[in-house]
Structures are given as structure tokens and as C-alpha cells.
Amino acid sequence: MTVSTTARRLTAAALTTAAITAAIAVPASAADHRPHRERVEISSVQYDSPGWDNRSNRSLNSEWVEITNYSRHGVNLDGWTLADEDGRTYTFDHYRLAGRATVRVHTGIGLDTHHDVYQDRRTYVWDNRSDTATLRNDHGRLIDEASWGRHHHYRR
């Protein structure tokens, strides 16, 4: 066997080893770049506004649901819905929830901000005795729900 034949075989073996190593490494590095998943939840509910239920705007706005984005990435909530058991529904319109941020959805009337949005209702939504707040994305998929009262144990 000549020196050139041995060199060619060693070069071919090295190239084959490098190709196999690259093929094995690609799926591992691809797994590290998966698209992020939204982690949006109903984080708190104030279903019984403090004081008398007198339907004043102040009382209505003291009834709210907080929605928190626990991921690092912002989530477009446009078209997402928040509903009670009776079908009263609030639909988010052109709203983006920043990463690691919370928005409070008030029942009454007000000016929307980054931290507070308003359903612009003149009556209460959340039943003080028993109800369920349901959050769905723009495709109608259940994202989260929080229940309280009869047969329910409210969770924060």
C-alpha cells in the first residue's frame, strides 16, 4: 500500500466521521430553537366588588379578572375572549400583552391602557355566589378558566 492510498483512506474516514457527527448534531441544535409557547393564564379574579352592589361605574370597575402572560414573549390577544357561564363575553380588540405582564379586565366603563381594559358594561358580569371565567384564544381554543362557588374551588 502506498502512502498516497493510505492518506486518501484516512481523509475519507475523517470526512465520513465529520459528516456523521454533523448529521447527529443538527437535530439536537434544531430542538433548541423550537417556537415559544404562550403561557397565558387567568391569574386573579375579583368577582365580588367591595361594598354595596349599586351598579355605579366605580363598583362595576371593582369587579375584574387579571390575565397574566408568564412567558418572556409578548402575545397578541386580538380576538381572544373572556366569558362567564351565562355567555357574557368580552373580546380583546387590538391588544398585545407584553411578556411577563398582567392586564386587568374591568366590567365597567373606562379608557383602555396597557394594564387595564374595560368591558364598558353597565351591569355586573361575575356572579358573587358561583361562576366560571373562561379565556379562549382567537381560534376558540380553551386557554384557562377559573371557577368559584358551588362545586367550585377558586384558585389563584
Protein backbone atom coordinates (compact mmCIF):
# COMPACT_ATOMS: atom_id res chain seq x y z
CA MET A 1 0.00 0.00 0.00
CA THR A 2 1.38 3.37 -0.93
CA VAL A 3 1.49 6.49 1.17
CA SER A 4 -0.98 8.27 -1.11
CA THR A 5 -3.51 5.40 -0.81
CA THR A 6 -3.23 5.47 3.00
CA ALA A 7 -3.63 9.26 3.02
CA ARG A 8 -6.73 9.03 0.83
CA ARG A 9 -8.29 6.38 3.10
CA LEU A 10 -7.56 8.43 6.23
CA THR A 11 -9.02 11.54 4.60
CA ALA A 12 -12.15 9.62 3.55
CA ALA A 13 -12.55 8.20 7.06
CA ALA A 14 -12.17 11.68 8.61
CA LEU A 15 -14.73 13.16 6.22
CA THR A 16 -17.18 10.34 6.91
CA THR A 17 -16.78 10.83 10.66
CA ALA A 18 -17.33 14.59 10.29
CA ALA A 19 -20.47 14.04 8.18
CA ILE A 20 -21.96 11.60 10.72
CA THR A 21 -21.17 13.96 13.59
CA ALA A 22 -22.82 16.86 11.75
CA ALA A 23 -25.91 14.79 10.99
CA ILE A 24 -26.29 13.83 14.64
CA ALA A 25 -25.72 17.39 15.90
CA VAL A 26 -28.31 19.08 13.62
CA PRO A 27 -31.43 17.64 15.28
CA ALA A 28 -30.08 18.49 18.75
CA SER A 29 -29.44 22.11 17.81
CA ALA A 30 -32.79 22.33 15.99
CA ALA A 31 -34.57 21.25 19.20
CA ASP A 32 -33.07 24.25 20.97
CA HIS A 33 -34.80 26.63 18.55
CA ARG A 34 -38.39 25.46 18.91
CA PRO A 35 -41.03 28.18 18.64
CA HIS A 36 -42.07 29.55 22.03
CA ARG A 37 -45.40 28.51 23.53
CA GLU A 38 -47.77 31.04 25.00
CA ARG A 39 -48.24 30.75 28.74
CA VAL A 40 -51.20 32.99 29.41
CA GLU A 41 -53.43 32.35 32.44
CA ILE A 42 -56.23 33.85 34.48
CA SER A 43 -54.15 34.88 37.47
CA SER A 44 -56.75 36.51 39.74
CA VAL A 45 -60.46 37.33 39.88
CA GLN A 46 -62.30 39.97 41.94
CA TYR A 47 -65.84 38.69 41.34
CA ASP A 48 -67.47 40.45 44.31
CA SER A 49 -66.72 44.16 44.21
CA PRO A 50 -66.17 45.63 47.69
CA GLY A 51 -69.13 47.44 49.26
CA TRP A 52 -72.70 47.55 48.02
CA ASP A 53 -73.50 46.32 44.53
CA ASN A 54 -75.07 49.61 43.43
CA ARG A 55 -74.11 49.42 39.72
CA SER A 56 -72.06 52.61 39.94
CA ASN A 57 -69.17 52.70 37.50
CA ARG A 58 -66.78 52.63 40.46
CA SER A 59 -68.42 49.47 41.80
CA LEU A 60 -68.53 47.86 38.34
CA ASN A 61 -64.82 48.56 37.80
CA SER A 62 -64.03 46.99 41.17
CA GLU A 63 -65.13 43.70 39.58
CA TRP A 64 -62.29 42.42 37.37
CA VAL A 65 -60.29 39.49 36.02
CA GLU A 66 -56.49 39.59 35.71
CA ILE A 67 -54.80 37.81 32.84
CA THR A 68 -51.05 37.23 33.07
CA ASN A 69 -48.53 36.32 30.39
CA TYR A 70 -45.87 34.27 32.18
CA SER A 71 -43.68 33.84 29.08
CA ARG A 72 -40.88 36.18 28.03
CA HIS A 73 -42.57 36.88 24.69
CA GLY A 74 -45.50 39.20 24.01
CA VAL A 75 -48.80 37.59 22.98
CA ASN A 76 -51.31 39.11 20.57
CA LEU A 77 -54.71 38.81 22.30
CA ASP A 78 -56.65 40.26 19.36
CA GLY A 79 -59.82 38.19 19.03
CA TRP A 80 -59.34 36.34 22.36
CA THR A 81 -62.44 36.15 24.57
CA LEU A 82 -63.18 36.21 28.28
CA ALA A 83 -66.64 34.86 29.15
CA ASP A 84 -68.79 33.91 32.14
CA GLU A 85 -71.08 30.86 32.48
CA ASP A 86 -74.07 32.83 31.15
CA GLY A 87 -72.27 33.64 27.89
CA ARG A 88 -71.49 37.30 28.56
CA THR A 89 -68.32 37.74 26.55
CA TYR A 90 -65.60 40.36 26.28
CA THR A 91 -63.46 40.24 23.11
CA PHE A 92 -59.98 41.73 23.10
CA ASP A 93 -59.53 44.17 20.21
CA HIS A 94 -56.02 45.09 19.02
CA TYR A 95 -54.38 44.27 22.33
CA ARG A 96 -50.88 42.84 22.82
CA LEU A 97 -49.94 41.54 26.28
CA ALA A 98 -46.22 42.03 26.85
CA GLY A 99 -44.05 39.25 28.20
CA ARG A 100 -44.25 38.81 31.97
CA ALA A 101 -47.12 41.32 32.15
CA THR A 102 -50.67 41.38 33.51
CA VAL A 103 -53.80 43.09 32.22
CA ARG A 104 -56.86 43.70 34.38
CA VAL A 105 -60.23 43.38 32.57
CA HIS A 106 -62.74 45.62 34.39
CA THR A 107 -66.51 45.24 33.99
CA GLY A 108 -67.42 48.95 33.86
CA ILE A 109 -66.60 51.86 31.58
CA GLY A 110 -63.14 53.38 31.19
CA LEU A 111 -60.23 54.17 28.87
CA ASP A 112 -58.13 51.16 27.92
CA THR A 113 -54.41 51.24 28.80
CA HIS A 114 -51.59 48.68 28.68
CA HIS A 115 -52.52 47.47 32.18
CA ASP A 116 -56.31 47.95 32.29
CA VAL A 117 -59.06 47.30 29.74
CA TYR A 118 -62.79 47.87 30.18
CA GLN A 119 -65.81 45.87 29.04
CA ASP A 120 -67.92 49.08 29.02
CA ARG A 121 -70.89 47.37 30.71
CA ARG A 122 -73.50 48.93 32.98
CA THR A 123 -74.32 45.66 34.81
CA TYR A 124 -72.22 43.11 36.70
CA VAL A 125 -70.79 40.11 34.86
CA TRP A 126 -69.38 37.81 37.53
CA ASP A 127 -71.82 36.09 39.90
CA ASN A 128 -70.83 36.51 43.55
CA ARG A 129 -72.04 33.03 44.55
CA SER A 130 -70.79 30.82 41.71
CA ASP A 131 -69.36 31.38 38.25
CA THR A 132 -66.54 30.47 35.88
CA ALA A 133 -64.30 32.87 33.95
CA THR A 134 -63.20 31.25 30.68
CA LEU A 135 -60.37 32.55 28.48
CA ARG A 136 -60.22 31.36 24.85
CA ASN A 137 -57.83 32.29 22.06
CA ASP A 138 -58.85 33.68 18.66
CA HIS A 139 -59.43 30.11 17.39
CA GLY A 140 -61.83 29.33 20.24
CA ARG A 141 -59.34 27.03 21.99
CA LEU A 142 -59.61 26.93 25.79
CA ILE A 143 -56.60 28.68 27.33
CA ASP A 144 -57.61 28.81 31.00
CA GLU A 145 -60.55 29.08 33.34
CA ALA A 146 -61.13 30.00 36.97
CA SER A 147 -64.22 28.92 38.94
CA TRP A 148 -65.65 29.73 42.37
CA GLY A 149 -68.73 28.98 44.46
CA ARG A 150 -70.96 25.90 44.32
CA HIS A 151 -68.97 22.80 43.48
CA HIS A 152 -66.03 25.01 42.55
CA HIS A 153 -62.90 25.92 44.43
CA TYR A 154 -61.46 29.21 43.26
CA ARG A 155 -57.78 29.02 42.52
CA ARG A 156 -55.39 31.91 42.21
